[in-house]
Amino acid sequence: MSDKPQISIAGRRFIRALLLICVGLLVAEFIIHRHAYFALEATPLFFALFGFAAFCIVVGGGVLLRKLVMRAPDYYDGDDDA
């Protein structure tokens, strides 16, 4: 058997619809004129790059936090002295 997960027809439709929405938003980014308050906001794909950077920071923070709070696999298998 294959270890690759199978995607249902509904799942494929959802993924295609999501990709279509992403492409539409990417095209709209270059067509729609934005009234930016700061000069940095006027750069193309600023909000996409900002969101991706925030995502990377959250995931990196999660990795660091996991190392901080992770317990050994046998943490709760100790003595039952209670």
C-alpha atoms as a PDB file:
ATOM      1  CA  MET A   1       0.000   0.000   0.000  1.00  0.00           C
ATOM      2  CA  SER A   2       1.012   3.536  -0.563  1.00  0.00           C
ATOM      3  CA  ASP A   3       1.870   5.757   2.396  1.00  0.00           C
ATOM      4  CA  LYS A   4       0.629   8.756   0.428  1.00  0.00           C
ATOM      5  CA  PRO A   5      -2.757   9.994   1.720  1.00  0.00           C
ATOM      6  CA  GLN A   6      -5.602   9.838  -0.779  1.00  0.00           C
ATOM      7  CA  ILE A   7      -7.506  13.038  -1.534  1.00  0.00           C
ATOM      8  CA  SER A   8     -11.199  12.692  -2.252  1.00  0.00           C
ATOM      9  CA  ILE A   9     -12.956  14.353  -5.179  1.00  0.00           C
ATOM     10  CA  ALA A  10     -14.439  16.967  -2.825  1.00  0.00           C
ATOM     11  CA  GLY A  11     -10.965  17.625  -1.442  1.00  0.00           C
ATOM     12  CA  ARG A  12      -9.564  18.122  -4.932  1.00  0.00           C
ATOM     13  CA  ARG A  13     -12.369  20.536  -5.760  1.00  0.00           C
ATOM     14  CA  PHE A  14     -11.639  22.470  -2.590  1.00  0.00           C
ATOM     15  CA  ILE A  15      -7.920  22.649  -3.358  1.00  0.00           C
ATOM     16  CA  ARG A  16      -8.580  23.785  -6.928  1.00  0.00           C
ATOM     17  CA  ALA A  17     -11.055  26.414  -5.717  1.00  0.00           C
ATOM     18  CA  LEU A  18      -8.543  27.618  -3.142  1.00  0.00           C
ATOM     19  CA  LEU A  19      -5.807  27.853  -5.780  1.00  0.00           C
ATOM     20  CA  LEU A  20      -8.161  29.749  -8.095  1.00  0.00           C
ATOM     21  CA  ILE A  21      -8.961  32.222  -5.319  1.00  0.00           C
ATOM     22  CA  CYS A  22      -5.242  32.690  -4.591  1.00  0.00           C
ATOM     23  CA  VAL A  23      -4.453  33.341  -8.258  1.00  0.00           C
ATOM     24  CA  GLY A  24      -7.368  35.791  -8.467  1.00  0.00           C
ATOM     25  CA  LEU A  25      -6.131  37.689  -5.432  1.00  0.00           C
ATOM     26  CA  LEU A  26      -2.611  37.742  -6.835  1.00  0.00           C
ATOM     27  CA  VAL A  27      -3.871  39.270 -10.091  1.00  0.00           C
ATOM     28  CA  ALA A  28      -6.047  41.735  -8.167  1.00  0.00           C
ATOM     29  CA  GLU A  29      -2.997  42.851  -6.200  1.00  0.00           C
ATOM     30  CA  PHE A  30      -1.541  44.371  -9.362  1.00  0.00           C
ATOM     31  CA  ILE A  31      -4.833  45.763 -10.743  1.00  0.00           C
ATOM     32  CA  ILE A  32      -6.484  47.420  -7.739  1.00  0.00           C
ATOM     33  CA  HIS A  33      -5.003  50.756  -6.680  1.00  0.00           C
ATOM     34  CA  ARG A  34      -4.375  50.946  -2.939  1.00  0.00           C
ATOM     35  CA  HIS A  35      -4.414  54.173  -0.972  1.00  0.00           C
ATOM     36  CA  ALA A  36      -1.492  53.407   1.302  1.00  0.00           C
ATOM     37  CA  TYR A  37      -0.779  55.426   4.405  1.00  0.00           C
ATOM     38  CA  PHE A  38       2.880  54.398   4.541  1.00  0.00           C
ATOM     39  CA  ALA A  39       5.173  54.048   1.522  1.00  0.00           C
ATOM     40  CA  LEU A  40       5.969  50.454   2.410  1.00  0.00           C
ATOM     41  CA  GLU A  41       2.310  49.480   2.065  1.00  0.00           C
ATOM     42  CA  ALA A  42       2.347  50.614  -1.573  1.00  0.00           C
ATOM     43  CA  THR A  43       4.905  47.982  -2.595  1.00  0.00           C
ATOM     44  CA  PRO A  44       3.445  45.055  -4.531  1.00  0.00           C
ATOM     45  CA  LEU A  45       2.772  41.919  -2.470  1.00  0.00           C
ATOM     46  CA  PHE A  46       3.635  43.694   0.793  1.00  0.00           C
ATOM     47  CA  PHE A  47       0.742  42.166   2.723  1.00  0.00           C
ATOM     48  CA  ALA A  48       1.424  38.683   1.341  1.00  0.00           C
ATOM     49  CA  LEU A  49       5.069  38.872   2.364  1.00  0.00           C
ATOM     50  CA  PHE A  50       4.166  40.371   5.734  1.00  0.00           C
ATOM     51  CA  GLY A  51       1.695  37.551   6.378  1.00  0.00           C
ATOM     52  CA  PHE A  52       4.222  34.913   5.365  1.00  0.00           C
ATOM     53  CA  ALA A  53       6.851  36.442   7.648  1.00  0.00           C
ATOM     54  CA  ALA A  54       4.365  36.468  10.541  1.00  0.00           C
ATOM     55  CA  PHE A  55       3.538  32.813   9.825  1.00  0.00           C
ATOM     56  CA  CYS A  56       7.239  31.889   9.901  1.00  0.00           C
ATOM     57  CA  ILE A  57       7.710  33.721  13.197  1.00  0.00           C
ATOM     58  CA  VAL A  58       4.742  31.934  14.783  1.00  0.00           C
ATOM     59  CA  VAL A  59       5.941  28.511  13.594  1.00  0.00           C
ATOM     60  CA  GLY A  60       9.500  29.229  14.755  1.00  0.00           C
ATOM     61  CA  GLY A  61       8.177  30.352  18.125  1.00  0.00           C
ATOM     62  CA  GLY A  62       6.173  27.147  18.357  1.00  0.00           C
ATOM     63  CA  VAL A  63       9.269  25.059  17.708  1.00  0.00           C
ATOM     64  CA  LEU A  64      11.182  26.921  20.424  1.00  0.00           C
ATOM     65  CA  LEU A  65       8.261  26.675  22.842  1.00  0.00           C
ATOM     66  CA  ARG A  66       7.970  22.924  22.198  1.00  0.00           C
ATOM     67  CA  LYS A  67      11.622  22.466  23.147  1.00  0.00           C
ATOM     68  CA  LEU A  68      10.993  24.458  26.312  1.00  0.00           C
ATOM     69  CA  VAL A  69       7.916  22.588  27.577  1.00  0.00           C
ATOM     70  CA  MET A  70       8.476  19.102  26.098  1.00  0.00           C
ATOM     71  CA  ARG A  71       8.542  16.238  28.574  1.00  0.00           C
ATOM     72  CA  ALA A  72      10.126  12.827  28.188  1.00  0.00           C
ATOM     73  CA  PRO A  73       7.850  10.140  26.699  1.00  0.00           C
ATOM     74  CA  ASP A  74       7.872   8.239  30.014  1.00  0.00           C
ATOM     75  CA  TYR A  75       7.210  11.337  32.153  1.00  0.00           C
ATOM     76  CA  TYR A  76       3.928  10.002  33.572  1.00  0.00           C
ATOM     77  CA  ASP A  77       5.129   6.396  33.940  1.00  0.00           C
ATOM     78  CA  GLY A  78       6.950   7.096  37.198  1.00  0.00           C
ATOM     79  CA  ASP A  79       6.466   5.473  40.597  1.00  0.00           C
ATOM     80  CA  ASP A  80       2.958   5.311  42.029  1.00  0.00           C
ATOM     81  CA  ASP A  81       3.888   6.284  45.602  1.00  0.00           C
ATOM     82  CA  ALA A  82       0.760   8.353  46.116  1.00  0.00           C
END
